[in-house]
Amino acid sequence: MLTHENDKTVMCPIVGDGMVGKTQICKTFAGSQTPDDYTATVSDLYTVPTYMMGSDYIIKIVDSSGQHDYKEVRTKSYKEANVFILCYSVSDRESFENVKSFWIPEIRNLCKKTPVVLVATYKGTRDEHNNVSKQEGLDIMESHKFDAYIECRSDNKEEVDELFEDILLSVIKSKRRRRSSLLHTLMGK
């Protein structure tokens, strides 16, 4: 939750199956080089100072393992989360099915009200064979009341920057809803 002292710091665990582009999103946003070969992540923290929507922010992205066995390591960051970035690959139907059967239950079991932004990666690789359609992603977003659905190429700086603008906007909206709800509670309405 954002507090008065750290209103400009946003904690974002990025979750989803392995090899869907989570680390690439982090490195693209942070401006880091990415090696060509895949190395499985256990847990990495990317701290990215950025200027968005007229203010300076610090975006902290916790990139943890997409392997389902690493729950203890992965969920340590969940309590501090301001927003979840939930990823799947449009060219990997299993990663999409795991969003529904594994990732959403894990997130909602521990953080019922934290905003979630659903991200479809590898959008440039979609073809007609067993790929996940945009409508399927939108349906999941709507049925679970997620804050946004975004398709992006994880190595495209402009698209990743737009993703983080949407993420920041979802945190700001959530914060306003909480304040409004608290005000209504205090005023007895």
N, C-alpha and C. Protein backbone atom coordinates (compact mmCIF):
# COMPACT_ATOMS: atom_id res chain seq x y z
N MET A 1 0.84 -1.17 0.00
CA MET A 1 0.00 0.00 0.00
C MET A 1 0.89 1.23 0.00
N LEU A 2 0.53 2.26 -0.76
CA LEU A 2 1.27 3.51 -0.76
C LEU A 2 0.98 4.26 0.52
N THR A 3 2.03 4.76 1.18
CA THR A 3 1.85 5.58 2.37
C THR A 3 2.32 6.98 2.06
N HIS A 4 2.05 7.90 2.98
CA HIS A 4 2.39 9.30 2.73
C HIS A 4 3.88 9.47 2.42
N GLU A 5 4.75 8.78 3.17
CA GLU A 5 6.19 8.95 2.97
C GLU A 5 6.66 8.41 1.62
N ASN A 6 6.01 7.37 1.14
CA ASN A 6 6.50 6.77 -0.10
C ASN A 6 5.44 6.75 -1.19
N ASP A 7 4.63 7.82 -1.27
CA ASP A 7 3.60 7.91 -2.30
C ASP A 7 4.17 7.79 -3.71
N LYS A 8 5.43 8.04 -3.87
CA LYS A 8 6.03 8.03 -5.20
C LYS A 8 6.81 6.75 -5.48
N THR A 9 6.70 5.76 -4.60
CA THR A 9 7.32 4.46 -4.83
C THR A 9 6.23 3.44 -5.09
N VAL A 10 6.39 2.68 -6.16
CA VAL A 10 5.39 1.69 -6.56
C VAL A 10 6.06 0.32 -6.62
N MET A 11 5.53 -0.62 -5.83
CA MET A 11 6.05 -2.00 -5.80
C MET A 11 5.20 -2.88 -6.71
N CYS A 12 5.85 -3.51 -7.68
CA CYS A 12 5.15 -4.31 -8.70
C CYS A 12 5.76 -5.70 -8.83
N PRO A 13 5.21 -6.70 -8.18
CA PRO A 13 5.65 -8.05 -8.53
C PRO A 13 5.19 -8.39 -9.95
N ILE A 14 6.08 -8.96 -10.74
CA ILE A 14 5.71 -9.39 -12.09
C ILE A 14 5.68 -10.92 -12.06
N VAL A 15 4.53 -11.50 -12.39
CA VAL A 15 4.33 -12.94 -12.25
C VAL A 15 3.79 -13.54 -13.54
N GLY A 16 3.91 -14.83 -13.65
CA GLY A 16 3.47 -15.59 -14.81
C GLY A 16 4.44 -16.73 -15.02
N ASP A 17 4.10 -17.62 -15.91
CA ASP A 17 4.95 -18.78 -16.19
C ASP A 17 6.33 -18.34 -16.68
N GLY A 18 7.29 -19.27 -16.61
CA GLY A 18 8.62 -19.02 -17.13
C GLY A 18 8.60 -18.85 -18.64
N MET A 19 9.53 -18.08 -19.14
CA MET A 19 9.74 -17.88 -20.57
C MET A 19 8.59 -17.16 -21.28
N VAL A 20 7.86 -16.30 -20.54
CA VAL A 20 6.81 -15.52 -21.21
C VAL A 20 7.25 -14.07 -21.43
N GLY A 21 8.47 -13.72 -21.02
CA GLY A 21 8.98 -12.38 -21.29
C GLY A 21 9.01 -11.45 -20.09
N LYS A 22 8.83 -11.96 -18.88
CA LYS A 22 8.81 -11.10 -17.69
C LYS A 22 10.14 -10.39 -17.49
N THR A 23 11.23 -11.13 -17.52
CA THR A 23 12.55 -10.53 -17.30
C THR A 23 12.88 -9.55 -18.42
N GLN A 24 12.49 -9.87 -19.64
CA GLN A 24 12.72 -8.96 -20.76
C GLN A 24 11.97 -7.64 -20.54
N ILE A 25 10.74 -7.69 -20.04
CA ILE A 25 9.99 -6.47 -19.73
C ILE A 25 10.75 -5.64 -18.71
N CYS A 26 11.22 -6.29 -17.65
CA CYS A 26 11.97 -5.58 -16.60
C CYS A 26 13.22 -4.92 -17.16
N LYS A 27 13.97 -5.68 -17.93
CA LYS A 27 15.23 -5.16 -18.46
C LYS A 27 14.98 -4.06 -19.50
N THR A 28 13.95 -4.20 -20.28
CA THR A 28 13.63 -3.16 -21.26
C THR A 28 13.25 -1.87 -20.55
N PHE A 29 12.42 -1.96 -19.52
CA PHE A 29 12.01 -0.77 -18.78
C PHE A 29 13.20 -0.13 -18.06
N ALA A 30 14.08 -0.97 -17.50
CA ALA A 30 15.25 -0.47 -16.77
C ALA A 30 16.37 0.00 -17.70
N GLY A 31 16.25 -0.31 -18.99
CA GLY A 31 17.28 0.08 -19.94
C GLY A 31 18.49 -0.82 -19.91
N SER A 32 18.33 -2.05 -19.42
CA SER A 32 19.44 -3.00 -19.32
C SER A 32 19.60 -3.80 -20.60
N GLN A 33 20.79 -4.31 -20.80
CA GLN A 33 21.04 -5.23 -21.91
C GLN A 33 20.51 -6.60 -21.52
N THR A 34 20.04 -7.34 -22.50
CA THR A 34 19.55 -8.68 -22.24
C THR A 34 20.36 -9.67 -23.04
N PRO A 35 20.88 -10.72 -22.38
CA PRO A 35 21.60 -11.74 -23.15
C PRO A 35 20.64 -12.50 -24.05
N ASP A 36 21.19 -13.09 -25.11
CA ASP A 36 20.36 -13.83 -26.06
C ASP A 36 19.85 -15.15 -25.50
N ASP A 37 20.59 -15.73 -24.56
CA ASP A 37 20.16 -17.03 -24.03
C ASP A 37 19.29 -16.84 -22.79
N TYR A 38 18.45 -17.83 -22.54
CA TYR A 38 17.50 -17.78 -21.43
C TYR A 38 18.15 -18.31 -20.16
N THR A 39 18.01 -17.57 -19.08
CA THR A 39 18.44 -18.02 -17.76
C THR A 39 17.25 -17.88 -16.84
N ALA A 40 16.87 -18.96 -16.18
CA ALA A 40 15.71 -18.92 -15.28
C ALA A 40 15.98 -17.97 -14.12
N THR A 41 14.96 -17.22 -13.75
CA THR A 41 15.05 -16.26 -12.65
C THR A 41 14.58 -16.93 -11.37
N VAL A 42 15.25 -16.62 -10.26
CA VAL A 42 14.73 -17.03 -8.95
C VAL A 42 14.05 -15.82 -8.34
N SER A 43 14.77 -14.71 -8.19
CA SER A 43 14.17 -13.47 -7.73
C SER A 43 15.15 -12.33 -7.97
N ASP A 44 14.70 -11.32 -8.70
CA ASP A 44 15.51 -10.13 -8.97
C ASP A 44 14.66 -8.90 -8.70
N LEU A 45 15.31 -7.84 -8.23
CA LEU A 45 14.63 -6.57 -7.99
C LEU A 45 15.20 -5.53 -8.94
N TYR A 46 14.32 -4.88 -9.69
CA TYR A 46 14.70 -3.78 -10.57
C TYR A 46 14.12 -2.51 -9.97
N THR A 47 14.98 -1.55 -9.66
CA THR A 47 14.53 -0.26 -9.13
C THR A 47 14.77 0.77 -10.22
N VAL A 48 13.67 1.34 -10.72
CA VAL A 48 13.76 2.23 -11.87
C VAL A 48 13.16 3.59 -11.52
N PRO A 49 14.01 4.62 -11.37
CA PRO A 49 13.46 5.96 -11.20
C PRO A 49 12.92 6.42 -12.55
N THR A 50 11.75 7.02 -12.54
CA THR A 50 11.14 7.43 -13.80
C THR A 50 10.28 8.66 -13.60
N TYR A 51 10.07 9.38 -14.68
CA TYR A 51 9.21 10.56 -14.67
C TYR A 51 8.01 10.23 -15.54
N MET A 52 6.82 10.19 -14.91
CA MET A 52 5.59 9.89 -15.64
C MET A 52 4.47 10.76 -15.11
N MET A 53 3.60 11.16 -15.98
CA MET A 53 2.40 11.90 -15.62
C MET A 53 2.72 13.12 -14.75
N GLY A 54 3.81 13.79 -15.07
CA GLY A 54 4.15 15.03 -14.38
C GLY A 54 4.82 14.87 -13.03
N SER A 55 5.23 13.66 -12.66
CA SER A 55 5.87 13.45 -11.36
C SER A 55 7.00 12.43 -11.47
N ASP A 56 7.92 12.51 -10.51
CA ASP A 56 8.97 11.51 -10.39
C ASP A 56 8.46 10.35 -9.56
N TYR A 57 8.74 9.14 -10.00
CA TYR A 57 8.35 7.92 -9.28
C TYR A 57 9.54 6.98 -9.23
N ILE A 58 9.49 6.09 -8.27
CA ILE A 58 10.43 4.97 -8.22
C ILE A 58 9.59 3.71 -8.39
N ILE A 59 9.83 3.00 -9.48
CA ILE A 59 9.12 1.76 -9.76
C ILE A 59 10.03 0.61 -9.33
N LYS A 60 9.56 -0.20 -8.40
CA LYS A 60 10.31 -1.38 -7.96
C LYS A 60 9.60 -2.61 -8.49
N ILE A 61 10.29 -3.32 -9.36
CA ILE A 61 9.71 -4.51 -9.99
C ILE A 61 10.40 -5.74 -9.41
N VAL A 62 9.61 -6.62 -8.82
CA VAL A 62 10.14 -7.87 -8.30
C VAL A 62 9.87 -8.95 -9.35
N ASP A 63 10.93 -9.40 -9.98
CA ASP A 63 10.85 -10.43 -11.02
C ASP A 63 11.21 -11.76 -10.36
N SER A 64 10.20 -12.60 -10.17
CA SER A 64 10.46 -13.87 -9.50
C SER A 64 10.17 -15.04 -10.42
N SER A 65 10.54 -16.18 -9.96
CA SER A 65 10.45 -17.39 -10.77
C SER A 65 9.04 -17.67 -11.25
N GLY A 66 8.95 -18.09 -12.49
CA GLY A 66 7.67 -18.52 -13.04
C GLY A 66 7.39 -19.98 -12.75
N GLN A 67 8.33 -20.63 -12.08
CA GLN A 67 8.15 -22.04 -11.73
C GLN A 67 7.21 -22.13 -10.54
N HIS A 68 6.23 -22.94 -10.63
CA HIS A 68 5.20 -23.03 -9.61
C HIS A 68 5.75 -23.49 -8.26
N ASP A 69 6.90 -24.18 -8.24
CA ASP A 69 7.48 -24.69 -6.99
C ASP A 69 8.05 -23.60 -6.09
N TYR A 70 8.35 -22.43 -6.60
CA TYR A 70 9.05 -21.39 -5.84
C TYR A 70 8.10 -20.43 -5.13
N LYS A 71 6.97 -20.92 -4.69
CA LYS A 71 5.94 -20.06 -4.09
C LYS A 71 6.48 -19.26 -2.90
N GLU A 72 7.24 -19.88 -2.02
CA GLU A 72 7.72 -19.19 -0.82
C GLU A 72 8.57 -17.97 -1.18
N VAL A 73 9.47 -18.12 -2.13
CA VAL A 73 10.31 -17.01 -2.57
C VAL A 73 9.46 -15.95 -3.26
N ARG A 74 8.58 -16.40 -4.13
CA ARG A 74 7.78 -15.50 -4.95
C ARG A 74 6.82 -14.65 -4.12
N THR A 75 6.16 -15.27 -3.16
CA THR A 75 5.09 -14.57 -2.45
C THR A 75 5.59 -13.61 -1.36
N LYS A 76 6.88 -13.60 -1.08
CA LYS A 76 7.42 -12.65 -0.10
C LYS A 76 7.13 -11.20 -0.50
N SER A 77 7.14 -10.92 -1.77
CA SER A 77 6.93 -9.55 -2.24
C SER A 77 5.45 -9.17 -2.33
N TYR A 78 4.55 -10.14 -2.19
CA TYR A 78 3.14 -9.88 -2.42
C TYR A 78 2.54 -8.91 -1.39
N LYS A 79 2.96 -9.00 -0.13
CA LYS A 79 2.39 -8.14 0.91
C LYS A 79 2.63 -6.66 0.64
N GLU A 80 3.76 -6.33 0.01
CA GLU A 80 4.12 -4.95 -0.26
C GLU A 80 3.62 -4.46 -1.62
N ALA A 81 2.96 -5.32 -2.36
CA ALA A 81 2.57 -4.99 -3.74
C ALA A 81 1.55 -3.87 -3.80
N ASN A 82 1.80 -2.92 -4.70
CA ASN A 82 0.82 -1.89 -5.04
C ASN A 82 0.02 -2.31 -6.25
N VAL A 83 0.62 -3.17 -7.08
CA VAL A 83 -0.03 -3.66 -8.30
C VAL A 83 0.71 -4.91 -8.74
N PHE A 84 -0.02 -5.87 -9.29
CA PHE A 84 0.59 -7.06 -9.87
C PHE A 84 0.62 -6.92 -11.38
N ILE A 85 1.73 -7.35 -11.97
CA ILE A 85 1.85 -7.45 -13.42
C ILE A 85 1.77 -8.95 -13.72
N LEU A 86 0.67 -9.37 -14.31
CA LEU A 86 0.42 -10.80 -14.56
C LEU A 86 0.58 -11.07 -16.05
N CYS A 87 1.59 -11.85 -16.41
CA CYS A 87 1.97 -12.04 -17.81
C CYS A 87 1.69 -13.45 -18.33
N TYR A 88 1.38 -13.50 -19.62
CA TYR A 88 1.33 -14.76 -20.36
C TYR A 88 1.76 -14.44 -21.78
N SER A 89 2.11 -15.47 -22.53
CA SER A 89 2.51 -15.30 -23.92
C SER A 89 1.34 -15.66 -24.83
N VAL A 90 1.06 -14.81 -25.82
CA VAL A 90 -0.03 -15.10 -26.76
C VAL A 90 0.26 -16.36 -27.57
N SER A 91 1.53 -16.73 -27.68
CA SER A 91 1.88 -17.92 -28.47
C SER A 91 2.07 -19.17 -27.60
N ASP A 92 1.70 -19.08 -26.32
CA ASP A 92 1.83 -20.21 -25.40
C ASP A 92 0.53 -20.37 -24.61
N ARG A 93 -0.38 -21.15 -25.18
CA ARG A 93 -1.70 -21.32 -24.57
C ARG A 93 -1.61 -21.83 -23.13
N GLU A 94 -0.64 -22.69 -22.85
CA GLU A 94 -0.51 -23.21 -21.48
C GLU A 94 -0.24 -22.08 -20.49
N SER A 95 0.57 -21.10 -20.89
CA SER A 95 0.84 -19.97 -19.98
C SER A 95 -0.44 -19.18 -19.71
N PHE A 96 -1.33 -19.09 -20.70
CA PHE A 96 -2.62 -18.42 -20.52
C PHE A 96 -3.53 -19.24 -19.60
N GLU A 97 -3.59 -20.54 -19.82
CA GLU A 97 -4.41 -21.41 -18.96
C GLU A 97 -3.92 -21.35 -17.52
N ASN A 98 -2.61 -21.25 -17.33
CA ASN A 98 -2.06 -21.16 -15.97
C ASN A 98 -2.39 -19.83 -15.30
N VAL A 99 -2.61 -18.78 -16.09
CA VAL A 99 -3.10 -17.52 -15.51
C VAL A 99 -4.39 -17.80 -14.75
N LYS A 100 -5.29 -18.55 -15.39
CA LYS A 100 -6.60 -18.84 -14.78
C LYS A 100 -6.51 -19.86 -13.65
N SER A 101 -5.74 -20.91 -13.86
CA SER A 101 -5.76 -22.02 -12.89
C SER A 101 -4.75 -21.88 -11.76
N PHE A 102 -3.69 -21.10 -11.96
CA PHE A 102 -2.64 -21.00 -10.94
C PHE A 102 -2.40 -19.58 -10.44
N TRP A 103 -2.12 -18.65 -11.37
CA TRP A 103 -1.67 -17.32 -10.96
C TRP A 103 -2.77 -16.48 -10.32
N ILE A 104 -3.95 -16.46 -10.90
CA ILE A 104 -5.03 -15.68 -10.29
C ILE A 104 -5.37 -16.22 -8.90
N PRO A 105 -5.56 -17.53 -8.72
CA PRO A 105 -5.83 -18.02 -7.36
C PRO A 105 -4.71 -17.68 -6.37
N GLU A 106 -3.44 -17.78 -6.80
CA GLU A 106 -2.34 -17.47 -5.88
C GLU A 106 -2.38 -16.00 -5.47
N ILE A 107 -2.55 -15.11 -6.43
CA ILE A 107 -2.59 -13.67 -6.12
C ILE A 107 -3.79 -13.34 -5.24
N ARG A 108 -4.96 -13.79 -5.63
CA ARG A 108 -6.18 -13.42 -4.91
C ARG A 108 -6.27 -14.07 -3.53
N ASN A 109 -5.64 -15.21 -3.35
CA ASN A 109 -5.61 -15.84 -2.04
C ASN A 109 -4.85 -14.98 -1.04
N LEU A 110 -3.80 -14.31 -1.50
CA LEU A 110 -2.95 -13.51 -0.62
C LEU A 110 -3.25 -12.02 -0.67
N CYS A 111 -3.76 -11.52 -1.78
CA CYS A 111 -3.96 -10.07 -1.97
C CYS A 111 -5.26 -9.84 -2.73
N LYS A 112 -6.35 -9.90 -2.04
CA LYS A 112 -7.67 -9.85 -2.69
C LYS A 112 -7.95 -8.55 -3.44
N LYS A 113 -7.47 -7.42 -2.92
CA LYS A 113 -7.87 -6.13 -3.49
C LYS A 113 -6.76 -5.39 -4.23
N THR A 114 -5.59 -5.97 -4.31
CA THR A 114 -4.49 -5.31 -5.00
C THR A 114 -4.76 -5.29 -6.50
N PRO A 115 -4.56 -4.14 -7.15
CA PRO A 115 -4.80 -4.07 -8.60
C PRO A 115 -3.93 -5.06 -9.37
N VAL A 116 -4.49 -5.52 -10.49
CA VAL A 116 -3.77 -6.44 -11.38
C VAL A 116 -3.86 -5.90 -12.80
N VAL A 117 -2.72 -5.87 -13.47
CA VAL A 117 -2.66 -5.53 -14.89
C VAL A 117 -2.26 -6.81 -15.62
N LEU A 118 -3.13 -7.25 -16.53
CA LEU A 118 -2.89 -8.46 -17.31
C LEU A 118 -2.12 -8.09 -18.57
N VAL A 119 -1.00 -8.76 -18.79
CA VAL A 119 -0.12 -8.42 -19.91
C VAL A 119 0.07 -9.63 -20.82
N ALA A 120 -0.27 -9.45 -22.10
CA ALA A 120 -0.04 -10.47 -23.12
C ALA A 120 1.25 -10.12 -23.84
N THR A 121 2.23 -10.99 -23.75
CA THR A 121 3.53 -10.74 -24.38
C THR A 121 3.63 -11.46 -25.72
N TYR A 122 4.68 -11.16 -26.42
CA TYR A 122 4.96 -11.76 -27.73
C TYR A 122 3.82 -11.53 -28.72
N LYS A 123 3.22 -10.33 -28.66
CA LYS A 123 2.06 -10.06 -29.51
C LYS A 123 2.40 -10.15 -31.00
N GLY A 124 3.65 -9.93 -31.36
CA GLY A 124 4.04 -10.01 -32.76
C GLY A 124 4.14 -11.43 -33.30
N THR A 125 4.00 -12.43 -32.42
CA THR A 125 4.14 -13.82 -32.86
C THR A 125 2.80 -14.53 -33.02
N ARG A 126 1.71 -13.82 -32.82
CA ARG A 126 0.39 -14.46 -32.89
C ARG A 126 0.10 -14.90 -34.32
N ASP A 127 -0.31 -16.16 -34.46
CA ASP A 127 -0.79 -16.65 -35.75
C ASP A 127 -2.11 -17.37 -35.48
N GLU A 128 -2.57 -18.15 -36.39
CA GLU A 128 -3.89 -18.77 -36.26
C GLU A 128 -3.91 -20.06 -35.44
N HIS A 129 -2.77 -20.65 -35.16
CA HIS A 129 -2.74 -21.98 -34.54
C HIS A 129 -2.61 -21.92 -33.03
N ASN A 130 -3.69 -22.17 -32.34
CA ASN A 130 -3.70 -22.35 -30.88
C ASN A 130 -3.16 -21.16 -30.10
N ASN A 131 -3.08 -19.99 -30.70
CA ASN A 131 -2.64 -18.82 -29.97
C ASN A 131 -3.81 -18.21 -29.22
N VAL A 132 -3.48 -17.41 -28.23
CA VAL A 132 -4.49 -16.78 -27.39
C VAL A 132 -4.93 -15.48 -28.07
N SER A 133 -6.23 -15.34 -28.28
CA SER A 133 -6.75 -14.14 -28.94
C SER A 133 -6.81 -12.97 -27.97
N LYS A 134 -6.86 -11.78 -28.53
CA LYS A 134 -7.00 -10.57 -27.72
C LYS A 134 -8.31 -10.64 -26.92
N GLN A 135 -9.37 -11.14 -27.53
CA GLN A 135 -10.67 -11.22 -26.85
C GLN A 135 -10.60 -12.12 -25.62
N GLU A 136 -9.85 -13.22 -25.71
CA GLU A 136 -9.70 -14.10 -24.55
C GLU A 136 -9.03 -13.36 -23.39
N GLY A 137 -8.04 -12.56 -23.69
CA GLY A 137 -7.38 -11.76 -22.66
C GLY A 137 -8.32 -10.74 -22.06
N LEU A 138 -9.08 -10.06 -22.92
CA LEU A 138 -10.05 -9.07 -22.43
C LEU A 138 -11.12 -9.73 -21.57
N ASP A 139 -11.54 -10.93 -21.95
CA ASP A 139 -12.55 -11.65 -21.16
C ASP A 139 -12.04 -11.95 -19.75
N ILE A 140 -10.78 -12.37 -19.63
CA ILE A 140 -10.20 -12.63 -18.31
C ILE A 140 -10.13 -11.34 -17.51
N MET A 141 -9.69 -10.27 -18.15
CA MET A 141 -9.61 -8.98 -17.46
C MET A 141 -10.97 -8.58 -16.90
N GLU A 142 -12.01 -8.68 -17.72
CA GLU A 142 -13.34 -8.26 -17.29
C GLU A 142 -13.91 -9.19 -16.22
N SER A 143 -13.76 -10.49 -16.39
CA SER A 143 -14.36 -11.43 -15.43
C SER A 143 -13.70 -11.36 -14.06
N HIS A 144 -12.44 -10.95 -14.01
CA HIS A 144 -11.74 -10.85 -12.73
C HIS A 144 -11.58 -9.40 -12.26
N LYS A 145 -12.19 -8.48 -13.01
CA LYS A 145 -12.16 -7.06 -12.65
C LYS A 145 -10.72 -6.53 -12.49
N PHE A 146 -9.85 -6.94 -13.41
CA PHE A 146 -8.50 -6.42 -13.42
C PHE A 146 -8.53 -4.97 -13.89
N ASP A 147 -7.47 -4.25 -13.58
CA ASP A 147 -7.43 -2.82 -13.90
C ASP A 147 -7.14 -2.53 -15.35
N ALA A 148 -6.41 -3.41 -16.01
CA ALA A 148 -6.07 -3.16 -17.42
C ALA A 148 -5.65 -4.47 -18.08
N TYR A 149 -5.75 -4.45 -19.41
CA TYR A 149 -5.23 -5.52 -20.25
C TYR A 149 -4.36 -4.85 -21.31
N ILE A 150 -3.13 -5.31 -21.43
CA ILE A 150 -2.20 -4.70 -22.36
C ILE A 150 -1.48 -5.80 -23.14
N GLU A 151 -1.34 -5.59 -24.44
CA GLU A 151 -0.51 -6.47 -25.27
C GLU A 151 0.75 -5.70 -25.62
N CYS A 152 1.89 -6.34 -25.46
CA CYS A 152 3.13 -5.66 -25.82
C CYS A 152 4.21 -6.65 -26.20
N ARG A 153 5.17 -6.14 -26.92
CA ARG A 153 6.40 -6.88 -27.19
C ARG A 153 7.35 -6.51 -26.07
N SER A 154 7.84 -7.48 -25.37
CA SER A 154 8.63 -7.22 -24.17
C SER A 154 9.98 -6.57 -24.45
N ASP A 155 10.41 -6.56 -25.70
CA ASP A 155 11.68 -5.92 -26.03
C ASP A 155 11.50 -4.57 -26.71
N ASN A 156 10.27 -4.06 -26.75
CA ASN A 156 9.98 -2.78 -27.40
C ASN A 156 9.85 -1.70 -26.32
N LYS A 157 10.82 -0.80 -26.25
CA LYS A 157 10.89 0.21 -25.18
C LYS A 157 9.63 1.07 -25.13
N GLU A 158 9.14 1.51 -26.26
CA GLU A 158 7.95 2.36 -26.29
C GLU A 158 6.73 1.62 -25.72
N GLU A 159 6.53 0.38 -26.14
CA GLU A 159 5.39 -0.39 -25.65
C GLU A 159 5.52 -0.71 -24.16
N VAL A 160 6.73 -1.01 -23.71
CA VAL A 160 6.94 -1.30 -22.28
C VAL A 160 6.74 -0.04 -21.45
N ASP A 161 7.20 1.11 -21.95
CA ASP A 161 6.96 2.37 -21.23
C ASP A 161 5.46 2.65 -21.12
N GLU A 162 4.71 2.40 -22.18
CA GLU A 162 3.25 2.57 -22.13
C GLU A 162 2.63 1.62 -21.11
N LEU A 163 3.15 0.40 -21.04
CA LEU A 163 2.69 -0.57 -20.05
C LEU A 163 2.85 0.01 -18.65
N PHE A 164 4.01 0.57 -18.35
CA PHE A 164 4.25 1.09 -17.00
C PHE A 164 3.45 2.37 -16.72
N GLU A 165 3.12 3.13 -17.73
CA GLU A 165 2.20 4.25 -17.53
C GLU A 165 0.83 3.73 -17.10
N ASP A 166 0.35 2.66 -17.76
CA ASP A 166 -0.93 2.06 -17.38
C ASP A 166 -0.87 1.45 -15.98
N ILE A 167 0.25 0.86 -15.64
CA ILE A 167 0.44 0.28 -14.30
C ILE A 167 0.37 1.39 -13.25
N LEU A 168 1.08 2.47 -13.49
CA LEU A 168 1.07 3.59 -12.55
C LEU A 168 -0.33 4.18 -12.42
N LEU A 169 -1.02 4.31 -13.53
CA LEU A 169 -2.39 4.83 -13.51
C LEU A 169 -3.30 3.93 -12.68
N SER A 170 -3.14 2.62 -12.77
CA SER A 170 -3.98 1.71 -11.99
C SER A 170 -3.70 1.86 -10.49
N VAL A 171 -2.46 2.12 -10.12
CA VAL A 171 -2.12 2.34 -8.70
C VAL A 171 -2.74 3.63 -8.21
N ILE A 172 -2.66 4.68 -9.01
CA ILE A 172 -3.24 5.97 -8.62
C ILE A 172 -4.75 5.84 -8.46
N LYS A 173 -5.42 5.18 -9.39
CA LYS A 173 -6.88 4.98 -9.29
C LYS A 173 -7.23 4.17 -8.05
N SER A 174 -6.48 3.12 -7.77
CA SER A 174 -6.74 2.28 -6.60
C SER A 174 -6.59 3.08 -5.32
N LYS A 175 -5.57 3.91 -5.27
CA LYS A 175 -5.33 4.75 -4.10
C LYS A 175 -6.50 5.71 -3.89
N ARG A 176 -7.01 6.29 -4.96
CA ARG A 176 -8.16 7.20 -4.85
C ARG A 176 -9.41 6.47 -4.37
N ARG A 177 -9.63 5.24 -4.88
CA ARG A 177 -10.78 4.45 -4.43
C ARG A 177 -10.70 4.15 -2.94
N ARG A 178 -9.50 3.80 -2.47
CA ARG A 178 -9.33 3.50 -1.04
C ARG A 178 -9.60 4.74 -0.19
N ARG A 179 -9.09 5.89 -0.63
CA ARG A 179 -9.32 7.13 0.12
C ARG A 179 -10.80 7.48 0.15
N SER A 180 -11.47 7.33 -0.99
CA SER A 180 -12.90 7.62 -1.07
C SER A 180 -13.69 6.68 -0.17
N SER A 181 -13.34 5.41 -0.17
CA SER A 181 -14.02 4.42 0.67
C SER A 181 -13.80 4.74 2.15
N LEU A 182 -12.59 5.11 2.51
CA LEU A 182 -12.29 5.47 3.89
C LEU A 182 -13.08 6.70 4.31
N LEU A 183 -13.16 7.68 3.43
CA LEU A 183 -13.91 8.90 3.72
C LEU A 183 -15.38 8.59 3.94
N HIS A 184 -15.95 7.75 3.09
CA HIS A 184 -17.36 7.35 3.25
C HIS A 184 -17.57 6.61 4.57
N THR A 185 -16.63 5.76 4.93
CA THR A 185 -16.73 5.01 6.19
C THR A 185 -16.66 5.97 7.38
N LEU A 186 -15.73 6.91 7.34
CA LEU A 186 -15.58 7.86 8.44
C LEU A 186 -16.78 8.78 8.58
N MET A 187 -17.41 9.11 7.46
CA MET A 187 -18.56 10.02 7.50
C MET A 187 -19.87 9.26 7.71
N GLY A 188 -19.79 7.94 7.78
CA GLY A 188 -20.98 7.13 8.03
C GLY A 188 -21.92 7.02 6.86
N LYS A 189 -21.39 7.10 5.66
CA LYS A 189 -22.23 7.01 4.46
C LYS A 189 -22.09 5.67 3.83
